Amino acid sequence: MKILLLIVCLTSFGLSAQIQKNNQQFNDYKYTKDFDQGVLDAKRHFNGTRDFVIGFVSFPAYYVPAVICYATPPKDRRFINLQNPNNDYLFSNSDYYQGYRYGATKKKRKRLMEGSVTSVGIGATLIIFALSSLAI
């Protein structure tokens, strides 16, 4: 039993040591370098706040607005962010643009799902509190 516990502890330390260079530029291949940098920049600099709000507010409308927003990719005017150091590079390099678009779409969909799940959680909590107050 002690040996098994020791193996589990050492394995977890070994796995955590493999995660490094997070939020850094990938160095895998030269032809995917710009694409990967675009994905990383989109994760950092794309603003997905309105997508969270759309997901959160669409609960009473049976998530129809959230589904429509989930199916459409973000518009190009939402890509421009002054905090992005590669903002000028966005529309001049097609690989970087495709990576940024891919990362922004992933972040948009993630924010929509977060908003939807949050509204379901709040609704379920309110129902539980209402039912528990009636039971007293």
Protein backbone atom coordinates (compact mmCIF):
# COMPACT_ATOMS: atom_id res chain seq x y z
CA MET A 1 0.00 0.00 0.00
CA LYS A 2 2.84 2.36 0.85
CA ILE A 3 4.52 1.59 -2.46
CA LEU A 4 1.33 2.35 -4.36
CA LEU A 5 0.95 5.66 -2.52
CA LEU A 6 4.56 6.53 -3.28
CA ILE A 7 4.08 5.73 -6.98
CA VAL A 8 0.94 7.88 -7.17
CA CYS A 9 2.69 10.82 -5.49
CA LEU A 10 5.76 10.59 -7.70
CA THR A 11 3.65 10.26 -10.83
CA SER A 12 1.71 13.41 -10.02
CA PHE A 13 4.93 15.36 -9.50
CA GLY A 14 6.32 14.06 -12.77
CA LEU A 15 3.21 15.04 -14.71
CA SER A 16 3.09 18.55 -13.32
CA ALA A 17 6.69 19.09 -14.34
CA GLN A 18 5.78 18.50 -17.98
CA ILE A 19 3.55 21.57 -18.14
CA GLN A 20 5.86 24.43 -18.96
CA LYS A 21 6.08 27.43 -21.23
CA ASN A 22 2.38 28.17 -20.87
CA ASN A 23 1.34 31.31 -22.78
CA GLN A 24 4.57 31.21 -24.76
CA GLN A 25 5.10 31.06 -28.46
CA PHE A 26 5.18 27.50 -29.80
CA ASN A 27 8.37 26.34 -31.47
CA ASP A 28 7.03 23.22 -33.20
CA TYR A 29 7.17 23.98 -36.90
CA LYS A 30 7.99 27.06 -38.87
CA TYR A 31 4.81 26.97 -40.93
CA THR A 32 2.52 26.73 -37.86
CA LYS A 33 4.32 29.35 -35.81
CA ASP A 34 2.11 32.27 -36.91
CA PHE A 35 -1.09 30.24 -36.52
CA ASP A 36 -0.17 29.18 -32.98
CA GLN A 37 0.78 32.72 -32.04
CA GLY A 38 -2.61 33.91 -33.31
CA VAL A 39 -4.39 31.32 -31.15
CA LEU A 40 -2.43 32.40 -28.07
CA ASP A 41 -3.07 36.09 -28.73
CA ALA A 42 -6.79 35.43 -29.16
CA LYS A 43 -6.90 33.62 -25.82
CA ARG A 44 -5.28 36.62 -24.14
CA HIS A 45 -6.73 39.61 -25.97
CA PHE A 46 -10.13 38.68 -27.45
CA ASN A 47 -12.95 40.16 -25.37
CA GLY A 48 -15.74 37.65 -24.76
CA THR A 49 -17.75 39.53 -22.15
CA ARG A 50 -20.78 40.16 -24.35
CA ASP A 51 -20.88 36.47 -25.26
CA PHE A 52 -21.10 35.56 -21.57
CA VAL A 53 -23.95 38.04 -21.15
CA ILE A 54 -25.81 36.63 -24.17
CA GLY A 55 -25.47 33.11 -22.77
CA PHE A 56 -26.58 34.26 -19.32
CA VAL A 57 -29.58 36.28 -20.50
CA SER A 58 -30.86 33.72 -23.04
CA PHE A 59 -32.15 31.37 -20.30
CA PRO A 60 -35.77 32.67 -20.46
CA ALA A 61 -35.75 32.43 -24.28
CA TYR A 62 -34.86 28.72 -24.23
CA TYR A 63 -31.26 29.51 -25.31
CA VAL A 64 -32.26 30.40 -28.87
CA PRO A 65 -30.04 33.55 -28.90
CA ALA A 66 -27.15 31.55 -27.45
CA VAL A 67 -27.48 28.86 -30.12
CA ILE A 68 -27.55 31.44 -32.90
CA CYS A 69 -24.55 33.23 -31.42
CA TYR A 70 -22.73 29.89 -30.97
CA ALA A 71 -23.20 29.03 -34.64
CA THR A 72 -21.83 32.32 -36.00
CA PRO A 73 -18.11 33.13 -35.85
CA PRO A 74 -17.01 36.45 -34.34
CA LYS A 75 -16.92 39.45 -36.67
CA ASP A 76 -13.60 40.93 -37.78
CA ARG A 77 -14.30 44.25 -36.06
CA ARG A 78 -14.21 42.44 -32.70
CA PHE A 79 -10.65 41.29 -33.36
CA ILE A 80 -9.13 44.74 -33.04
CA ASN A 81 -7.82 45.26 -29.51
CA LEU A 82 -5.33 47.95 -28.59
CA GLN A 83 -3.74 45.76 -25.90
CA ASN A 84 -2.72 43.19 -28.51
CA PRO A 85 0.93 43.83 -29.45
CA ASN A 86 0.40 42.07 -32.80
CA ASN A 87 -2.65 44.13 -33.79
CA ASP A 88 -0.99 45.45 -36.97
CA TYR A 89 0.08 41.92 -37.86
CA LEU A 90 -3.53 40.66 -37.66
CA PHE A 91 -4.73 41.53 -41.15
CA SER A 92 -1.36 41.37 -42.92
CA ASN A 93 -0.55 37.67 -42.27
CA SER A 94 -3.16 35.09 -43.24
CA ASP A 95 -1.79 32.34 -40.96
CA TYR A 96 -1.84 34.61 -37.93
CA TYR A 97 -5.35 35.80 -38.87
CA GLN A 98 -6.64 32.23 -39.19
CA GLY A 99 -5.12 31.31 -35.83
CA TYR A 100 -6.58 34.39 -34.17
CA ARG A 101 -9.97 33.65 -35.70
CA TYR A 102 -9.81 30.04 -34.49
CA GLY A 103 -8.81 31.08 -30.96
CA ALA A 104 -11.45 33.82 -30.85
CA THR A 105 -14.16 31.37 -31.94
CA LYS A 106 -13.12 28.92 -29.24
CA LYS A 107 -13.12 31.66 -26.60
CA LYS A 108 -16.50 32.97 -27.78
CA ARG A 109 -18.07 29.52 -27.56
CA LYS A 110 -16.50 28.92 -24.16
CA ARG A 111 -17.91 32.20 -22.81
CA LEU A 112 -21.37 31.37 -24.22
CA MET A 113 -21.33 28.00 -22.49
CA GLU A 114 -20.12 29.57 -19.22
CA GLY A 115 -22.97 32.08 -19.31
CA SER A 116 -25.54 29.39 -20.09
CA VAL A 117 -24.36 27.08 -17.33
CA THR A 118 -24.23 29.95 -14.86
CA SER A 119 -27.83 30.91 -15.57
CA VAL A 120 -28.95 27.28 -15.18
CA GLY A 121 -27.06 27.05 -11.88
CA ILE A 122 -28.61 30.25 -10.55
CA GLY A 123 -32.07 29.13 -11.66
CA ALA A 124 -31.63 25.74 -10.00
CA THR A 125 -30.42 27.41 -6.80
CA LEU A 126 -33.43 29.71 -6.73
CA ILE A 127 -35.79 26.78 -7.25
CA ILE A 128 -34.12 24.83 -4.44
CA PHE A 129 -34.37 27.79 -2.08
CA ALA A 130 -38.02 28.33 -3.01
CA LEU A 131 -38.89 24.67 -2.45
CA SER A 132 -36.98 24.53 0.82
CA SER A 133 -38.74 27.62 2.12
CA LEU A 134 -42.13 26.08 1.28
CA ALA A 135 -41.25 22.87 3.12
CA ILE A 136 -40.77 24.70 6.42
